[in-house]
């Protein structure tokens, strides 16, 4: 199993980051209007990324998608790309719906899956094996993260472990990107904010907080990319790796969000500062597709404890 990024994947990361910095600044996240970002993604063939070439896609791996997902998390991007690529595509692939996959690759079809009566975002919804609902209605749920709408629906639920693992791994990778952005923002602030004539980052207590954040983030990233590799290579360890990753990133966001707000002081609680956009995305991600506690319990079951 290859656990190092290839030159092509590093180039992909650089390219994606460049596009997102231009197309998804905090002002776009605050507005909740991601139509322009989605159109740019379609123009660049991002929806075709992991779809097989015989379906009109690019035939790239889940690790390649993982690189994109982490970058999306870094800017708190919204829109249909995330759910379409991590939920709808694996469900359509499992169902063998080549026609629908081709429409996804062309940017003509977006969607999500129904899990325990909850749908993340709009578009078509897969609610069970072969059940693709293009017309559906649901009650929008009030959530912390306004950039990602959730709906309560009265329909079946996807119960495929393979599809749910891919969706969960995708969410984990996005959360890693968001936590990285929170850490970077906090580190920069600690270097610039001064008290008693020196940067607060020079204080031992602040250094310890930043180190704790970094260690938690590094652990979560390592687990997340290992999980991505098991999906890409159809490794038998996939269920265990995915749950360990979701648990690790759940722990990381808890530490990182708490310390980030404390280090930022009073400004960390304000609407005007962008920190809350990232904290809300990380906190919402922890609650979706199983919390850290839920996935620890799954790990225990998988290893027979």
Protein backbone atom coordinates (compact mmCIF):
# COMPACT_ATOMS: atom_id res chain seq x y z
CA UNK A 1 0.00 0.00 0.00
CA UNK A 2 1.44 3.36 -1.08
CA UNK A 3 1.15 5.97 1.68
CA UNK A 4 3.12 8.77 0.01
CA UNK A 5 1.54 11.32 -2.32
CA UNK A 6 2.62 11.09 -5.94
CA UNK A 7 3.88 14.11 -7.87
CA UNK A 8 0.55 14.14 -9.74
CA UNK A 9 -1.41 14.23 -6.47
CA UNK A 10 0.71 17.10 -5.16
CA UNK A 11 0.09 18.94 -8.42
CA UNK A 12 -3.63 18.22 -8.06
CA UNK A 13 -3.59 19.69 -4.55
CA UNK A 14 -1.87 22.85 -5.73
CA UNK A 15 -4.30 23.26 -8.61
CA UNK A 16 -7.39 22.67 -6.46
CA UNK A 17 -6.18 25.05 -3.76
CA UNK A 18 -5.57 27.77 -6.33
CA UNK A 19 -9.10 27.43 -7.71
CA UNK A 20 -10.75 27.37 -4.28
CA UNK A 21 -8.85 30.40 -3.01
CA UNK A 22 -10.34 32.36 -5.91
CA UNK A 23 -13.81 30.82 -6.09
CA UNK A 24 -14.60 30.16 -2.41
CA UNK A 25 -13.42 33.01 -0.15
CA UNK A 26 -15.14 33.50 3.24
CA UNK A 27 -17.56 35.99 1.65
CA UNK A 28 -18.98 33.18 -0.52
CA UNK A 29 -19.29 30.87 2.49
CA UNK A 30 -21.14 33.57 4.42
CA UNK A 31 -23.52 34.14 1.49
CA UNK A 32 -24.25 30.43 1.07
CA UNK A 33 -24.28 30.86 -2.71
CA UNK A 34 -22.01 28.20 -4.20
CA UNK A 35 -23.46 28.16 -7.71
CA UNK A 36 -20.41 29.87 -9.20
CA UNK A 37 -18.09 27.40 -7.49
CA UNK A 38 -20.08 24.43 -8.78
CA UNK A 39 -20.05 25.75 -12.36
CA UNK A 40 -16.29 26.13 -12.17
CA UNK A 41 -15.94 22.58 -10.81
CA UNK A 42 -17.97 21.22 -13.72
CA UNK A 43 -15.92 23.23 -16.22
CA UNK A 44 -12.76 21.66 -14.75
CA UNK A 45 -14.21 18.10 -14.84
CA UNK A 46 -14.03 17.63 -11.06
CA UNK A 47 -17.30 15.60 -10.99
CA UNK A 48 -15.67 13.10 -13.36
CA UNK A 49 -12.73 12.50 -11.03
CA UNK A 50 -13.43 9.01 -9.67
CA UNK A 51 -15.92 7.83 -12.28
CA UNK A 52 -14.68 5.05 -14.56
CA UNK A 53 -13.45 6.05 -18.01
CA UNK A 54 -16.01 3.81 -19.73
CA UNK A 55 -18.70 5.93 -18.05
CA UNK A 56 -17.15 9.17 -19.26
CA UNK A 57 -15.06 9.82 -16.16
CA UNK A 58 -11.37 10.27 -15.45
CA UNK A 59 -10.91 6.95 -13.65
CA UNK A 60 -8.88 8.36 -10.75
CA UNK A 61 -8.72 6.84 -7.26
CA UNK A 62 -10.33 7.65 -3.94
CA UNK A 63 -6.96 8.93 -2.71
CA UNK A 64 -7.02 11.51 -5.52
CA UNK A 65 -10.51 12.49 -4.40
CA UNK A 66 -9.25 12.63 -0.81
CA UNK A 67 -6.78 15.34 -1.79
CA UNK A 68 -9.64 17.41 -3.23
CA UNK A 69 -11.90 16.81 -0.22
CA UNK A 70 -9.26 18.01 2.23
CA UNK A 71 -8.86 21.21 0.23
CA UNK A 72 -12.64 21.72 0.18
CA UNK A 73 -12.64 21.44 3.96
CA UNK A 74 -9.92 24.07 4.23
CA UNK A 75 -12.24 26.69 2.71
CA UNK A 76 -15.56 25.32 4.09
CA UNK A 77 -16.86 24.86 0.55
CA UNK A 78 -20.52 24.08 0.06
CA UNK A 79 -22.57 22.98 -2.92
CA UNK A 80 -23.31 19.52 -4.35
CA UNK A 81 -19.76 18.27 -5.07
CA UNK A 82 -19.08 16.74 -1.65
CA UNK A 83 -22.25 14.67 -1.32
CA UNK A 84 -22.32 13.76 -5.00
CA UNK A 85 -18.79 12.37 -5.04
CA UNK A 86 -18.73 10.71 -1.61
CA UNK A 87 -22.34 9.48 -1.42
CA UNK A 88 -24.18 9.44 -4.73
CA UNK A 89 -21.31 8.11 -6.85
CA UNK A 90 -20.50 5.08 -4.65
CA UNK A 91 -24.22 4.26 -4.41
CA UNK A 92 -24.64 4.44 -8.20
CA UNK A 93 -21.45 2.44 -8.71
CA UNK A 94 -22.71 -0.30 -6.40
CA UNK A 95 -26.03 -0.33 -8.26
CA UNK A 96 -24.22 -0.57 -11.61
CA UNK A 97 -26.02 2.49 -13.01
CA UNK A 98 -23.57 3.48 -15.75
CA UNK A 99 -25.98 5.95 -17.34
CA UNK A 100 -26.43 7.91 -14.10
CA UNK A 101 -22.67 7.86 -13.47
CA UNK A 102 -22.14 9.36 -16.91
CA UNK A 103 -24.57 12.15 -16.09
CA UNK A 104 -22.68 12.82 -12.86
CA UNK A 105 -19.39 13.00 -14.76
CA UNK A 106 -20.89 15.62 -17.08
CA UNK A 107 -22.22 17.66 -14.14
CA UNK A 108 -25.83 16.93 -15.05
CA UNK A 109 -26.76 14.90 -11.97
CA UNK A 110 -26.02 15.66 -8.32
CA UNK A 111 -27.31 14.12 -5.14
CA UNK A 112 -26.79 12.42 -1.82
CA UNK A 113 -27.90 9.38 0.15
CA UNK A 114 -30.52 9.09 2.86
CA UNK A 115 -29.09 7.94 6.18
CA UNK A 116 -31.41 7.43 9.15
CA UNK A 117 -33.95 9.80 7.61
CA UNK A 118 -31.40 12.58 6.99
CA UNK A 119 -30.19 13.93 3.63
CA UNK A 120 -27.20 16.23 3.27
CA UNK A 121 -27.94 18.74 0.51
CA UNK A 122 -30.18 18.54 -2.54
CA UNK A 123 -30.26 16.83 -5.91
CA UNK A 124 -31.28 13.21 -6.37
CA UNK A 125 -31.43 10.96 -3.33
CA UNK A 126 -30.53 7.29 -3.05
CA UNK A 127 -32.62 5.71 -0.31
CA UNK A 128 -31.86 2.03 -0.84
CA UNK A 129 -30.56 -0.46 -3.41
CA UNK A 130 -31.57 0.87 -6.82
CA UNK A 131 -33.81 3.55 -5.30
CA UNK A 132 -32.92 6.85 -6.95
CA UNK A 133 -35.43 9.57 -6.09
CA UNK A 134 -35.17 12.61 -8.34
CA UNK A 135 -38.30 14.23 -6.95
CA UNK A 136 -38.53 14.27 -3.19
CA UNK A 137 -39.48 16.61 -0.39
CA UNK A 138 -38.13 17.04 3.10
CA UNK A 139 -38.13 19.31 6.10
CA UNK A 140 -35.02 21.45 6.36
CA UNK A 141 -33.31 21.08 9.74
CA UNK A 142 -31.88 24.01 11.65
CA UNK A 143 -28.16 23.34 12.09
CA UNK A 144 -24.97 25.10 13.15
CA UNK A 145 -23.46 25.01 9.66
CA UNK A 146 -25.63 27.10 7.34
CA UNK A 147 -23.34 26.29 4.38
CA UNK A 148 -24.52 22.66 4.37
CA UNK A 149 -28.31 22.23 4.50
CA UNK A 150 -29.75 19.06 6.02
CA UNK A 151 -33.22 17.65 5.41
CA UNK A 152 -35.39 15.20 7.32
CA UNK A 153 -37.07 12.85 4.86
CA UNK A 154 -39.62 10.08 5.04
CA UNK A 155 -38.02 7.40 2.92
CA UNK A 156 -35.72 4.39 3.17
CA UNK A 157 -32.09 4.54 4.23
CA UNK A 158 -28.91 3.35 2.55
CA UNK A 159 -27.53 0.45 4.57
CA UNK A 160 -24.62 -0.63 2.36
CA UNK A 161 -21.46 -0.74 4.46
CA UNK A 162 -19.31 -0.04 1.41
CA UNK A 163 -21.25 3.10 0.47
CA UNK A 164 -21.45 4.33 4.06
CA UNK A 165 -17.73 3.75 4.56
CA UNK A 166 -16.91 5.82 1.50
CA UNK A 167 -19.25 8.59 2.63
CA UNK A 168 -17.79 8.56 6.14
CA UNK A 169 -14.21 8.57 4.89
CA UNK A 170 -15.04 11.53 2.65
CA UNK A 171 -16.50 13.45 5.57
CA UNK A 172 -13.45 12.62 7.69
CA UNK A 173 -11.09 14.00 5.05
CA UNK A 174 -13.10 17.18 4.71
CA UNK A 175 -13.02 17.61 8.50
CA UNK A 176 -9.23 17.21 8.44
CA UNK A 177 -9.04 20.12 6.00
CA UNK A 178 -11.30 22.26 8.16
CA UNK A 179 -9.30 21.47 11.29
CA UNK A 180 -6.10 22.33 9.42
CA UNK A 181 -7.55 25.72 8.49
CA UNK A 182 -8.54 26.36 12.12
CA UNK A 183 -5.04 25.42 13.29
CA UNK A 184 -3.37 27.64 10.68
CA UNK A 185 -5.63 30.55 11.56
CA UNK A 186 -4.88 30.12 15.27
CA UNK A 187 -1.13 29.78 14.77
CA UNK A 188 -1.04 32.96 12.69
CA UNK A 189 -3.05 34.81 15.32
CA UNK A 190 -0.73 33.63 18.12
CA UNK A 191 2.25 34.97 16.16
CA UNK A 192 0.65 38.38 15.60
CA UNK A 193 -1.35 39.10 18.78
CA UNK A 194 0.77 40.79 21.42
CA UNK A 195 0.43 41.09 25.19
CA UNK A 196 2.99 42.71 27.46
CA UNK A 197 4.96 43.67 24.37
CA UNK A 198 5.47 40.13 23.01
CA UNK A 199 3.52 37.74 20.78
CA UNK A 200 1.21 35.47 22.79
CA UNK A 201 2.64 32.54 20.86
CA UNK A 202 5.83 32.93 22.91
CA UNK A 203 3.97 32.02 26.11
CA UNK A 204 4.53 28.44 27.27
CA UNK A 205 0.83 27.82 27.88
CA UNK A 206 -0.03 28.83 24.31
CA UNK A 207 2.79 26.69 22.91
CA UNK A 208 1.40 23.66 24.73
CA UNK A 209 -2.08 24.28 23.32
CA UNK A 210 -0.73 24.59 19.78
CA UNK A 211 1.29 21.40 20.14
CA UNK A 212 -1.76 19.50 21.40
CA UNK A 213 -3.72 20.77 18.40
CA UNK A 214 -0.97 19.79 15.97
CA UNK A 215 -0.59 16.28 17.38
CA UNK A 216 -4.35 15.63 17.26
CA UNK A 217 -4.51 16.94 13.70
CA UNK A 218 -1.54 14.86 12.53
CA UNK A 219 -3.08 11.70 13.99
CA UNK A 220 -6.42 12.41 12.34
CA UNK A 221 -4.82 13.10 8.94
CA UNK A 222 -2.76 9.90 9.06
CA UNK A 223 -5.83 7.83 9.92
CA UNK A 224 -7.94 9.57 7.27
CA UNK A 225 -5.51 8.95 4.45
CA UNK A 226 -4.95 5.35 5.50
CA UNK A 227 -8.72 4.90 5.32
CA UNK A 228 -8.70 6.51 1.86
CA UNK A 229 -5.99 4.08 0.75
CA UNK A 230 -7.99 1.07 1.96
CA UNK A 231 -10.97 2.27 -0.10
CA UNK A 232 -8.84 2.91 -3.16
CA UNK A 233 -7.32 -0.58 -2.95
CA UNK A 234 -10.45 -2.39 -1.71
CA UNK A 235 -8.52 -3.52 1.35
CA UNK A 236 -10.30 -5.77 3.87
CA UNK A 237 -9.24 -3.37 6.64
CA UNK A 238 -11.49 -0.64 5.24
CA UNK A 239 -14.31 -0.77 7.84
CA UNK A 240 -11.86 -0.66 10.73
CA UNK A 241 -9.72 2.07 9.12
CA UNK A 242 -12.74 4.27 8.36
CA UNK A 243 -14.12 4.07 11.89
CA UNK A 244 -10.72 4.71 13.45
CA UNK A 245 -10.34 7.76 11.20
CA UNK A 246 -13.77 9.19 12.06
CA UNK A 247 -13.07 8.69 15.76
CA UNK A 248 -9.66 10.34 15.45
CA UNK A 249 -10.96 13.39 13.61
CA UNK A 250 -13.80 13.67 16.12
CA UNK A 251 -11.22 13.88 18.90
CA UNK A 252 -9.15 16.34 16.88
CA UNK A 253 -11.97 18.76 16.17
CA UNK A 254 -12.91 18.83 19.84
CA UNK A 255 -9.42 19.88 20.92
CA UNK A 256 -8.75 22.16 17.96
CA UNK A 257 -12.05 24.06 18.11
CA UNK A 258 -11.84 24.57 21.86
CA UNK A 259 -8.24 25.75 21.89
CA UNK A 260 -8.70 27.92 18.80
CA UNK A 261 -11.53 29.88 20.38
CA UNK A 262 -9.61 30.26 23.65
CA UNK A 263 -6.40 31.41 21.96
CA UNK A 264 -8.31 33.91 19.84
CA UNK A 265 -9.82 35.32 23.03
CA UNK A 266 -12.87 37.57 22.75
CA UNK A 267 -12.58 37.98 18.99
CA UNK A 268 -13.01 34.22 18.55
CA UNK A 269 -16.66 34.53 19.59
CA UNK A 270 -17.58 37.31 17.17
CA UNK A 271 -19.67 37.05 14.03
CA UNK A 272 -17.26 39.32 12.15
CA UNK A 273 -14.30 36.94 12.55
CA UNK A 274 -14.28 33.98 10.15
CA UNK A 275 -13.31 31.43 12.81
CA UNK A 276 -16.91 30.50 13.57
CA UNK A 277 -17.50 29.38 9.97
CA UNK A 278 -14.83 26.70 10.35
CA UNK A 279 -15.77 25.69 13.89
CA UNK A 280 -19.39 25.19 12.86
CA UNK A 281 -18.39 23.00 9.91
CA UNK A 282 -16.11 20.87 12.09
CA UNK A 283 -18.73 20.49 14.84
CA UNK A 284 -21.45 19.56 12.36
CA UNK A 285 -19.17 17.03 10.70
CA UNK A 286 -18.62 15.31 14.04
CA UNK A 287 -22.38 14.79 14.43
CA UNK A 288 -22.93 13.38 10.92
CA UNK A 289 -22.48 9.73 9.88
CA UNK A 290 -21.58 8.66 13.41
CA UNK A 291 -19.79 10.45 16.21
CA UNK A 292 -16.39 9.52 17.63
CA UNK A 293 -18.20 7.48 20.29
CA UNK A 294 -20.28 5.64 17.68
CA UNK A 295 -17.20 4.73 15.67
CA UNK A 296 -15.24 3.59 18.72
CA UNK A 297 -18.07 1.21 19.44
CA UNK A 298 -17.88 -0.03 15.85
CA UNK A 299 -14.12 -0.51 16.19
CA UNK A 300 -14.73 -2.57 19.35
CA UNK A 301 -17.23 -4.76 17.49
CA UNK A 302 -14.90 -5.22 14.53
CA UNK A 303 -11.98 -6.38 16.67
CA UNK A 304 -14.21 -8.56 18.85
CA UNK A 305 -13.96 -6.61 22.11
